Protein backbone atom coordinates (compact mmCIF):
# COMPACT_ATOMS: atom_id res chain seq x y z
CA MET A 1 34.90 -21.45 -46.01
CA ILE A 2 36.23 -24.95 -45.77
CA PHE A 3 39.56 -25.77 -44.20
CA ALA A 4 41.50 -28.94 -44.80
CA SER A 5 44.70 -30.07 -43.20
CA THR A 6 47.23 -32.76 -44.00
CA ASN A 7 50.80 -33.62 -43.17
CA PHE A 8 51.16 -35.26 -46.59
CA PRO A 9 49.75 -32.99 -49.32
CA GLU A 10 51.54 -35.06 -51.97
CA ASN A 11 49.29 -38.01 -51.06
CA LEU A 12 46.05 -36.14 -51.76
CA ASP A 13 43.98 -37.29 -54.70
CA ALA A 14 44.63 -35.27 -57.87
CA ALA A 15 40.96 -34.22 -57.91
CA LEU A 16 41.48 -32.40 -54.62
CA ARG A 17 44.67 -30.70 -55.78
CA ARG A 18 43.42 -29.31 -59.07
CA PRO A 19 42.82 -25.55 -59.44
CA GLY A 20 39.66 -24.25 -57.85
CA ARG A 21 39.48 -26.79 -55.04
CA PHE A 22 41.65 -25.14 -52.43
CA GLY A 23 42.51 -21.50 -52.95
CA VAL A 24 45.31 -21.09 -50.44
CA ASP A 25 48.04 -23.40 -49.20
CA VAL A 26 49.49 -22.45 -45.84
CA LYS A 27 52.45 -24.34 -44.50
CA PHE A 28 52.78 -24.49 -40.73
CA ASP A 29 56.46 -25.09 -40.17
CA PHE A 30 58.57 -25.44 -37.06
CA ALA A 31 58.77 -22.52 -34.67
CA THR A 32 61.35 -19.83 -35.31
CA HIS A 33 63.38 -18.14 -32.58
CA GLU A 34 61.09 -15.11 -32.73
CA GLN A 35 57.94 -17.22 -32.55
CA ALA A 36 59.26 -19.05 -29.48
CA MET A 37 59.93 -15.69 -27.84
CA ASP A 38 56.49 -14.35 -28.77
CA ILE A 39 54.58 -17.32 -27.36
CA TYR A 40 56.60 -17.12 -24.14
CA LYS A 41 55.77 -13.41 -23.83
CA HIS A 42 52.12 -14.15 -24.53
CA PHE A 43 52.00 -16.66 -21.69
CA TYR A 44 53.90 -14.69 -19.07
CA ALA A 45 53.60 -10.98 -19.81
CA PRO A 46 51.99 -9.22 -16.87
CA SER A 47 48.52 -7.99 -17.70
CA PRO A 48 47.81 -4.27 -17.17
CA HIS A 49 45.30 -4.90 -14.38
CA ILE A 50 47.95 -6.76 -12.37
CA LEU A 51 50.32 -3.81 -12.72
CA GLU A 52 47.55 -1.48 -11.53
CA GLU A 53 46.86 -3.69 -8.48
CA VAL A 54 50.47 -3.40 -7.32
CA LYS A 55 50.35 0.34 -8.04
CA CYS A 56 52.88 0.13 -10.83
CA PRO A 57 52.23 2.72 -13.52
CA ILE A 58 52.21 1.45 -17.08
CA PRO A 59 54.84 3.53 -18.85
CA PRO A 60 54.37 4.50 -22.48
CA SER A 61 57.82 3.17 -23.37
CA THR A 62 58.40 -0.54 -23.00
CA SER A 63 62.13 0.01 -22.51
CA ILE A 64 61.62 1.44 -19.02
CA ASP A 65 59.03 -1.09 -17.90
CA PRO A 66 60.97 -3.44 -15.57
CA ALA A 67 58.34 -6.20 -15.73
CA LYS A 68 58.36 -6.16 -19.53
CA ALA A 69 62.15 -6.06 -19.65
CA ARG A 70 62.30 -9.12 -17.38
CA ILE A 71 59.81 -11.02 -19.56
CA ASP A 72 61.76 -10.01 -22.68
CA ASP A 73 64.98 -11.37 -21.15
CA GLU A 74 63.27 -14.59 -20.07
CA ALA A 75 61.71 -15.02 -23.52
CA GLU A 76 65.10 -14.52 -25.16
CA HIS A 77 66.66 -17.11 -22.85
CA PHE A 78 63.83 -19.58 -23.50
CA ALA A 79 64.07 -19.23 -27.28
CA THR A 80 67.89 -19.39 -27.20
CA VAL A 81 67.87 -22.66 -25.25
CA ILE A 82 65.57 -24.16 -27.90
CA LYS A 83 67.74 -22.83 -30.72
CA GLU A 84 70.99 -24.05 -29.15
CA ALA A 85 69.50 -27.50 -28.54
CA ASP A 86 69.18 -27.70 -32.34
CA ILE A 87 65.68 -29.14 -32.20
CA LYS A 88 62.69 -28.67 -34.44
CA VAL A 89 59.50 -28.01 -32.52
CA SER A 90 56.10 -26.70 -33.50
CA ILE A 91 54.30 -23.85 -31.81
CA ALA A 92 51.87 -26.46 -30.44
CA THR A 93 54.76 -28.38 -28.84
CA ILE A 94 56.05 -25.20 -27.21
CA GLN A 95 52.55 -24.33 -26.05
CA GLY A 96 52.15 -27.79 -24.53
CA PHE A 97 55.33 -27.31 -22.52
CA LEU A 98 54.34 -23.82 -21.37
CA LEU A 99 50.90 -25.08 -20.32
CA LEU A 100 52.61 -27.44 -17.88
CA TYR A 101 53.79 -24.35 -15.98
CA LYS A 102 51.24 -21.76 -17.03
CA ARG A 103 51.56 -19.78 -13.81
CA GLU A 104 55.21 -20.61 -13.10
CA PRO A 105 57.61 -18.92 -15.53
CA GLU A 106 60.48 -19.65 -13.15
CA MET A 107 59.83 -23.39 -13.61
CA VAL A 108 59.89 -22.95 -17.39
CA GLN A 109 63.27 -21.26 -17.09
CA ALA A 110 64.53 -24.05 -14.84
CA LYS A 111 63.23 -26.90 -16.99
CA VAL A 112 63.54 -25.67 -20.58
CA GLY A 113 67.03 -27.16 -20.99
CA GLU A 114 65.92 -30.57 -19.76
CA TRP A 115 62.81 -30.43 -21.96
CA ALA A 116 64.82 -29.46 -25.05
CA ALA A 117 67.40 -32.19 -24.38
CA GLY A 118 64.58 -34.75 -24.13
CA ILE A 119 63.16 -33.66 -27.46
CA ARG A 120 66.62 -33.79 -29.00
CA VAL A 121 67.02 -37.40 -27.85
CA GLU A 122 63.57 -38.28 -29.26
CA GLN A 123 64.41 -36.68 -32.59
CA PHE A 124 67.78 -38.44 -32.67
CA LEU A 125 66.06 -41.80 -32.13
CA VAL A 126 63.55 -41.12 -34.89
CA ILE A 127 66.35 -40.24 -37.32
CA GLU A 128 68.29 -43.37 -36.37
CA GLU A 129 65.15 -45.48 -36.74
CA GLU A 130 64.46 -44.01 -40.19
CA LYS A 131 68.05 -44.70 -41.26
CA ALA A 132 67.88 -48.28 -40.01
CA VAL A 133 64.59 -48.94 -41.76
CA ALA A 134 65.79 -47.37 -45.02
CA LYS A 135 68.99 -49.42 -44.93
CA THR A 136 67.13 -52.65 -44.23
CA VAL A 137 64.48 -51.97 -46.87
CA GLU A 138 67.26 -51.28 -49.37
CA GLN A 139 68.60 -54.73 -48.57
CA GLY A 140 65.20 -56.14 -49.51
CA SER A 141 64.06 -57.72 -46.27
CA LYS A 142 60.75 -56.38 -44.92
CA LYS A 143 60.70 -58.85 -41.99
CA LYS A 144 64.19 -57.80 -40.99
CA ALA A 145 63.11 -54.14 -41.20
CA ASP A 146 60.23 -54.80 -38.81
CA ARG A 147 62.55 -56.52 -36.32
CA GLN A 148 65.08 -53.70 -36.58
CA VAL A 149 62.42 -51.03 -35.93
CA ALA A 150 61.32 -52.88 -32.81
CA GLY A 151 64.90 -53.04 -31.47
CA ILE A 152 66.15 -49.55 -32.36
CA GLY A 153 65.15 -48.15 -28.95
CA LYS A 154 67.81 -50.13 -27.06
CA ASP A 155 70.44 -49.58 -29.75
CA GLY A 156 69.58 -45.90 -29.92
CA MET A 157 69.91 -45.51 -26.17
CA ARG A 158 73.26 -47.30 -26.24
CA VAL A 159 74.53 -44.87 -28.89
CA ILE A 160 73.25 -41.92 -26.85
CA GLU A 161 74.94 -43.16 -23.68
CA GLU A 162 78.24 -43.63 -25.52
CA LYS A 163 78.04 -40.12 -26.97
CA GLN A 164 77.19 -38.69 -23.55
CA LYS A 165 80.30 -40.31 -22.09
CA LEU A 166 82.39 -38.68 -24.82
CA ILE A 167 80.91 -35.18 -24.53
CA GLY A 168 79.87 -35.11 -20.87
CA ASP A 169 76.32 -34.84 -19.63
CA GLU A 170 74.95 -33.09 -22.72
CA ALA A 171 72.38 -34.87 -24.87
CA PRO A 172 73.46 -35.85 -28.38
């Protein structure tokens, strides 16, 4: 089997896209609420041998397992913070954040809001940069577009600060 990956399948040569070259196209999209919960559970669910060490029987029903119920609640909170931040993140991005605190789920719970707000700001800046470039390119000046891209960081931060003053301490 041969695997190929691209973020821009439309840019592939026609010879690569014709029938018989690649049999299956799989799109890896942004993480869903359920996927965010599942990866959190995967990272922080207590393993059976840990439960045995603390002499905690492993019940057949997950609904009466207090450790599992706690992890389920934490996973729901984690995924909800991401969803409410209205950000688009990949599973790899979530995994990268969880790896920062791989043995500290309490730190994940404490920092997930700050992390999501930071990503939201980054995504806002990218959108603003894309809009500025598109507008400038439409006006026909490539040099002006390059200068505008270089300066969007300061302008973007100014817009963010103004919005934060209007709505409080929340990120845009």
